[in-house]
Protein backbone atom coordinates (compact mmCIF):
# COMPACT_ATOMS: atom_id res chain seq x y z
CA UNK A 1 99.68 58.60 16.23
CA UNK A 2 97.14 57.60 18.96
CA UNK A 3 95.99 54.04 18.82
CA UNK A 4 92.20 53.26 18.85
CA UNK A 5 92.52 51.98 22.29
CA UNK A 6 94.33 55.20 23.63
CA UNK A 7 91.49 57.24 21.99
CA UNK A 8 88.84 55.11 23.68
CA UNK A 9 90.59 55.58 27.08
CA UNK A 10 90.96 59.29 26.58
CA UNK A 11 87.39 59.75 25.69
CA UNK A 12 86.29 57.75 28.86
CA UNK A 13 88.50 59.92 31.01
CA UNK A 14 87.04 63.13 29.51
CA UNK A 15 83.75 61.62 30.46
CA UNK A 16 84.79 61.06 34.07
CA UNK A 17 85.88 64.64 34.43
CA UNK A 18 82.80 66.32 32.64
CA UNK A 19 80.04 64.07 34.04
CA UNK A 20 81.32 63.03 37.38
CA UNK A 21 83.89 65.58 38.29
CA UNK A 22 86.52 63.15 39.26
CA UNK A 23 89.99 64.46 40.22
CA UNK A 24 93.04 64.31 38.03
CA UNK A 25 94.52 61.60 40.37
CA UNK A 26 91.50 59.41 40.26
CA UNK A 27 91.37 59.68 36.42
CA UNK A 28 94.99 58.70 36.37
CA UNK A 29 94.19 55.58 38.44
CA UNK A 30 91.53 54.65 36.03
CA UNK A 31 93.88 55.01 33.15
CA UNK A 32 96.52 52.90 34.81
CA UNK A 33 94.09 50.07 35.25
CA UNK A 34 92.76 50.23 31.83
CA UNK A 35 96.36 50.37 30.34
CA UNK A 36 97.35 47.23 32.44
CA UNK A 37 94.42 45.27 31.04
CA UNK A 38 95.40 46.38 27.55
CA UNK A 39 99.04 45.32 27.96
CA UNK A 40 97.85 42.01 29.28
CA UNK A 41 95.58 41.49 26.30
CA UNK A 42 98.41 42.13 23.87
CA UNK A 43 100.77 39.84 25.64
CA UNK A 44 98.61 36.94 26.57
CA UNK A 45 96.19 36.46 23.76
CA UNK A 46 96.69 35.03 20.37
CA UNK A 47 95.54 38.14 18.58
CA UNK A 48 98.36 40.50 19.41
CA UNK A 49 96.51 43.53 18.36
CA UNK A 50 93.47 42.73 20.53
CA UNK A 51 91.81 45.86 21.81
CA UNK A 52 89.70 46.73 24.72
CA UNK A 53 86.57 46.71 22.64
CA UNK A 54 87.00 43.30 21.38
CA UNK A 55 87.97 41.72 24.64
CA UNK A 56 85.62 38.94 26.01
CA UNK A 57 84.51 37.93 29.42
CA UNK A 58 86.69 34.84 29.15
CA UNK A 59 89.69 37.24 28.47
CA UNK A 60 88.65 39.21 31.58
CA UNK A 61 88.49 36.12 33.78
CA UNK A 62 91.84 34.77 32.47
CA UNK A 63 93.31 38.31 33.35
CA UNK A 64 91.83 38.14 36.90
CA UNK A 65 93.38 34.73 37.28
CA UNK A 66 96.74 35.89 36.17
CA UNK A 67 96.47 38.75 38.77
CA UNK A 68 95.73 36.12 41.50
CA UNK A 69 98.79 34.04 40.37
CA UNK A 70 101.00 37.16 40.42
CA UNK A 71 99.99 37.79 44.08
CA UNK A 72 97.98 41.00 43.62
CA UNK A 73 96.10 42.07 46.77
CA UNK A 74 92.33 41.58 46.49
CA UNK A 75 91.86 45.18 47.25
CA UNK A 76 93.99 46.27 44.34
CA UNK A 77 91.98 43.56 42.17
CA UNK A 78 88.82 45.03 43.35
CA UNK A 79 89.84 48.44 42.27
CA UNK A 80 90.90 47.12 38.94
CA UNK A 81 87.43 45.50 38.34
CA UNK A 82 85.73 48.83 39.45
CA UNK A 83 87.72 50.67 36.91
CA UNK A 84 87.01 48.24 34.09
CA UNK A 85 83.36 48.10 35.06
CA UNK A 86 83.02 51.84 34.71
CA UNK A 87 84.82 51.82 31.35
CA UNK A 88 82.64 48.90 29.84
CA UNK A 89 79.41 50.58 31.19
CA UNK A 90 80.45 53.88 29.50
CA UNK A 91 81.06 51.93 26.20
CA UNK A 92 77.74 50.20 26.59
CA UNK A 93 75.90 53.45 27.08
CA UNK A 94 77.60 55.14 24.33
CA UNK A 95 76.78 52.19 22.11
CA UNK A 96 80.22 51.25 21.19
CA UNK A 97 79.74 47.67 22.49
CA UNK A 98 76.62 45.45 22.92
CA UNK A 99 77.72 43.37 25.79
CA UNK A 100 79.29 44.37 29.13
CA UNK A 101 82.02 41.78 29.78
CA UNK A 102 82.17 42.86 33.55
CA UNK A 103 78.50 42.16 34.16
CA UNK A 104 78.98 38.65 35.61
CA UNK A 105 82.33 39.42 37.33
CA UNK A 106 82.18 39.30 41.12
CA UNK A 107 84.33 41.44 43.46
CA UNK A 108 87.00 39.42 45.29
CA UNK A 109 86.31 38.78 48.83
CA UNK A 110 88.44 40.86 51.23
CA UNK A 111 88.35 41.66 54.84
CA UNK A 112 88.02 45.19 55.88
CA UNK A 113 91.34 46.35 57.21
CA UNK A 114 91.23 49.15 59.74
CA UNK A 115 92.83 52.33 58.60
CA UNK A 116 96.08 53.14 60.38
CA UNK A 117 95.77 55.95 62.94
CA UNK A 118 97.62 57.71 65.64
CA UNK A 119 97.03 58.14 69.36
CA UNK A 120 96.38 61.75 70.63
CA UNK A 121 99.85 61.90 72.25
CA UNK A 122 101.41 60.81 68.92
CA UNK A 123 99.61 63.55 67.04
CA UNK A 124 100.66 66.11 69.66
CA UNK A 125 104.25 65.04 69.19
CA UNK A 126 103.98 65.27 65.40
CA UNK A 127 102.37 68.76 65.59
CA UNK A 128 105.25 69.89 67.77
CA UNK A 129 107.96 68.74 65.50
CA UNK A 130 108.39 71.58 62.90
CA UNK A 131 110.93 74.28 63.85
CA UNK A 132 108.50 77.30 64.19
CA UNK A 133 111.43 79.79 64.21
CA UNK A 134 111.68 79.31 60.45
CA UNK A 135 109.27 80.40 57.84
CA UNK A 136 109.18 76.80 56.32
CA UNK A 137 108.59 75.35 59.71
CA UNK A 138 105.86 77.81 60.56
CA UNK A 139 104.17 76.90 57.43
CA UNK A 140 104.53 73.18 58.10
CA UNK A 141 103.14 73.53 61.60
CA UNK A 142 100.06 75.40 60.21
CA UNK A 143 99.60 72.79 57.60
CA UNK A 144 99.84 69.97 60.05
CA UNK A 145 97.32 71.86 62.42
CA UNK A 146 94.86 72.43 59.60
CA UNK A 147 95.13 68.84 58.27
CA UNK A 148 94.44 67.36 61.70
CA UNK A 149 91.85 69.96 62.81
CA UNK A 150 89.71 69.66 59.77
CA UNK A 151 90.47 66.10 58.56
CA UNK A 152 91.48 67.20 54.91
CA UNK A 153 92.48 65.04 52.15
CA UNK A 154 96.15 66.02 51.15
CA UNK A 155 95.03 67.34 47.76
CA UNK A 156 92.58 69.49 49.52
CA UNK A 157 95.16 70.94 51.84
CA UNK A 158 97.82 71.61 49.21
CA UNK A 159 95.33 73.24 46.99
CA UNK A 160 93.83 75.70 49.44
CA UNK A 161 93.74 79.31 48.41
CA UNK A 162 93.55 82.48 50.57
CA UNK A 163 89.94 82.79 49.28
CA UNK A 164 89.03 79.39 51.17
CA UNK A 165 89.57 80.66 54.64
CA UNK A 166 87.39 82.86 56.79
CA UNK A 167 89.30 83.53 59.99
CA UNK A 168 86.58 85.66 61.45
CA UNK A 169 84.11 82.67 61.33
CA UNK A 170 86.79 80.16 61.81
CA UNK A 171 85.87 77.99 58.86
CA UNK A 172 87.47 76.55 55.67
CA UNK A 173 85.58 76.29 52.35
CA UNK A 174 86.59 72.98 50.85
CA UNK A 175 85.91 71.88 47.32
CA UNK A 176 86.27 68.01 47.59
CA UNK A 177 85.69 65.00 45.35
CA UNK A 178 82.97 65.38 42.69
CA UNK A 179 83.36 69.17 43.14
CA UNK A 180 81.26 68.97 46.39
CA UNK A 181 81.57 71.93 48.65
CA UNK A 182 81.66 71.74 52.38
CA UNK A 183 82.55 74.15 55.29
CA UNK A 184 84.71 72.73 57.98
CA UNK A 185 85.52 74.47 61.53
CA UNK A 186 89.10 74.88 62.15
CA UNK A 187 89.27 75.10 66.00
CA UNK A 188 91.02 77.70 68.02
CA UNK A 189 94.60 76.17 67.96
CA UNK A 190 94.62 75.81 64.16
CA UNK A 191 93.31 79.32 63.63
CA UNK A 192 96.03 80.81 66.02
CA UNK A 193 98.78 78.91 64.10
CA UNK A 194 97.25 79.85 60.67
CA UNK A 195 97.20 83.59 61.72
CA UNK A 196 100.71 83.47 62.92
CA UNK A 197 101.97 81.80 59.65
CA UNK A 198 100.12 84.29 57.52
CA UNK A 199 101.36 87.22 59.60
CA UNK A 200 105.04 86.08 59.94
CA UNK A 201 105.98 83.55 57.29
CA UNK A 202 103.72 83.54 54.11
CA UNK A 203 105.13 86.75 52.71
CA UNK A 204 108.75 85.47 53.06
CA UNK A 205 107.90 82.14 51.22
CA UNK A 206 106.22 84.03 48.40
CA UNK A 207 109.29 86.08 47.82
CA UNK A 208 107.49 88.71 45.86
CA UNK A 209 105.63 86.21 43.74
CA UNK A 210 102.03 87.02 43.40
CA UNK A 211 99.85 84.04 44.42
CA UNK A 212 96.73 83.34 46.16
CA UNK A 213 97.98 79.99 47.29
CA UNK A 214 97.63 79.66 51.09
CA UNK A 215 100.72 77.33 51.54
CA UNK A 216 103.15 78.11 48.73
CA UNK A 217 106.12 76.06 47.80
CA UNK A 218 108.78 77.30 45.25
CA UNK A 219 107.92 80.43 43.31
CA UNK A 220 104.44 80.82 44.93
CA UNK A 221 103.18 77.58 43.38
CA UNK A 222 101.04 75.14 45.37
CA UNK A 223 103.09 72.55 47.12
CA UNK A 224 102.78 69.02 45.52
CA UNK A 225 101.36 66.23 47.44
CA UNK A 226 104.53 64.28 47.30
CA UNK A 227 106.57 67.19 48.75
CA UNK A 228 104.28 67.37 51.81
CA UNK A 229 104.31 63.66 52.27
CA UNK A 230 108.09 63.71 52.49
CA UNK A 231 108.02 66.67 54.94
CA UNK A 232 105.49 64.53 57.22
CA UNK A 233 108.07 61.56 56.94
CA UNK A 234 110.73 63.89 58.29
CA UNK A 235 108.59 65.14 61.20
CA UNK A 236 107.60 61.53 61.94
CA UNK A 237 111.31 60.76 62.51
CA UNK A 238 111.78 63.75 64.67
CA UNK A 239 108.74 63.06 66.84
CA UNK A 240 110.05 59.46 67.31
CA UNK A 241 106.81 57.84 66.04
CA UNK A 242 107.25 54.21 65.17
CA UNK A 243 104.12 54.10 62.98
CA UNK A 244 104.33 54.84 59.27
CA UNK A 245 102.71 58.32 59.10
CA UNK A 246 101.11 59.64 55.94
CA UNK A 247 98.89 62.69 55.40
CA UNK A 248 95.92 60.37 55.17
CA UNK A 249 96.79 58.93 58.69
CA UNK A 250 96.00 62.44 60.15
CA UNK A 251 92.59 62.27 58.40
CA UNK A 252 92.05 58.92 60.09
CA UNK A 253 93.10 60.32 63.41
CA UNK A 254 90.83 63.26 62.95
CA UNK A 255 87.76 61.01 62.43
CA UNK A 256 88.72 58.51 65.20
CA UNK A 257 89.46 61.10 67.89
CA UNK A 258 86.09 62.88 67.14
CA UNK A 259 84.16 59.72 67.70
CA UNK A 260 86.28 58.65 70.70
CA UNK A 261 85.09 61.97 72.28
CA UNK A 262 81.37 61.21 71.48
CA UNK A 263 80.83 62.96 68.02
CA UNK A 264 77.91 61.88 65.95
CA UNK A 265 78.81 59.60 63.04
CA UNK A 266 76.78 61.83 60.60
CA UNK A 267 78.55 64.87 61.65
CA UNK A 268 81.93 63.11 61.02
CA UNK A 269 80.66 62.07 57.66
CA UNK A 270 79.92 65.72 56.77
CA UNK A 271 83.21 67.03 57.95
CA UNK A 272 85.00 64.33 56.01
CA UNK A 273 83.00 65.00 52.87
CA UNK A 274 81.90 61.35 52.43
CA UNK A 275 78.93 60.99 50.24
CA UNK A 276 78.01 57.57 51.88
CA UNK A 277 77.68 56.95 55.55
CA UNK A 278 79.01 53.39 55.13
CA UNK A 279 82.25 54.94 54.17
CA UNK A 280 82.48 56.71 57.50
CA UNK A 281 81.41 53.71 59.55
CA UNK A 282 84.94 52.10 59.32
CA UNK A 283 85.97 54.65 62.05
CA UNK A 284 83.44 53.29 64.48
CA UNK A 285 85.41 49.95 64.30
CA UNK A 286 88.56 51.86 65.17
CA UNK A 287 86.98 53.61 68.07
CA UNK A 288 85.52 50.23 69.37
CA UNK A 289 88.90 48.51 68.84
CA UNK A 290 90.66 51.35 70.89
CA UNK A 291 87.97 51.00 73.63
CA UNK A 292 88.59 47.21 73.63
CA UNK A 293 92.29 47.78 74.09
CA UNK A 294 91.71 50.31 76.91
CA UNK A 295 89.37 47.78 78.63
CA UNK A 296 91.93 44.98 78.45
CA UNK A 297 94.74 47.29 79.75
CA UNK A 298 93.04 49.01 82.69
CA UNK A 299 90.21 46.64 83.81
CA UNK A 300 91.15 44.25 86.62
CA UNK A 301 89.39 41.48 84.59
CA UNK A 302 90.34 42.59 81.04
């Protein structure tokens, strides 16, 4: 039988889906954060049955202190606070509580870490790693080309359908976070690899299964994010890249290389599907950092 706390969390997660259109992965992250606070309340307060609705600001401050003692990273704690803040604001708006215990809680200070990225030479080596004489290798090459050419999130890539592509116009129609739609140009190289994949390999991978999935895995189903992450790890090794490469690193490389070649920041924002320009501005720091490195390396007084 569901506990009162689990029912409250499920109602909140349903709210996130209906009102804000947040993805399943994001909702699961909220759920993990809320369950962690719930477990802490039950283990570290005198009232063993303490629930989220009866938690106090003092309980929350003690919980955050415990996280600090356990060595949690400030960025992780900031996400935890953000999840709890959204939850308690929802409870306040739905009149389930009268006081928001997160109202006086400040976010932990944290320096902005620059996202990991790859050089253009490293990206080229990665793209050339799949064996395109096989159907799987041709599929993977097309996926890598699209990922880098369009700056997609991994979830956006693996969920692409045939209906999302327009080869004549050379664009992808992406449904991103918050169900926001954007059109992203693919570029000639990505179009050519995609056409070759569809023509030569997609039918073999479907193996008579009827599916509109653009990049099918087993039985015509969409590939999971984890499966493609492992495939990138494999190609990372083949390419001899020492950096730890993930699908998101190619998204960072897409944005950074555009800016390095003079793209406007607001154009990059639209292509990435960022709702806030400040989210995109982190890439200007990467571009500037790279320019500083080049100056030090090649200028006689660097």
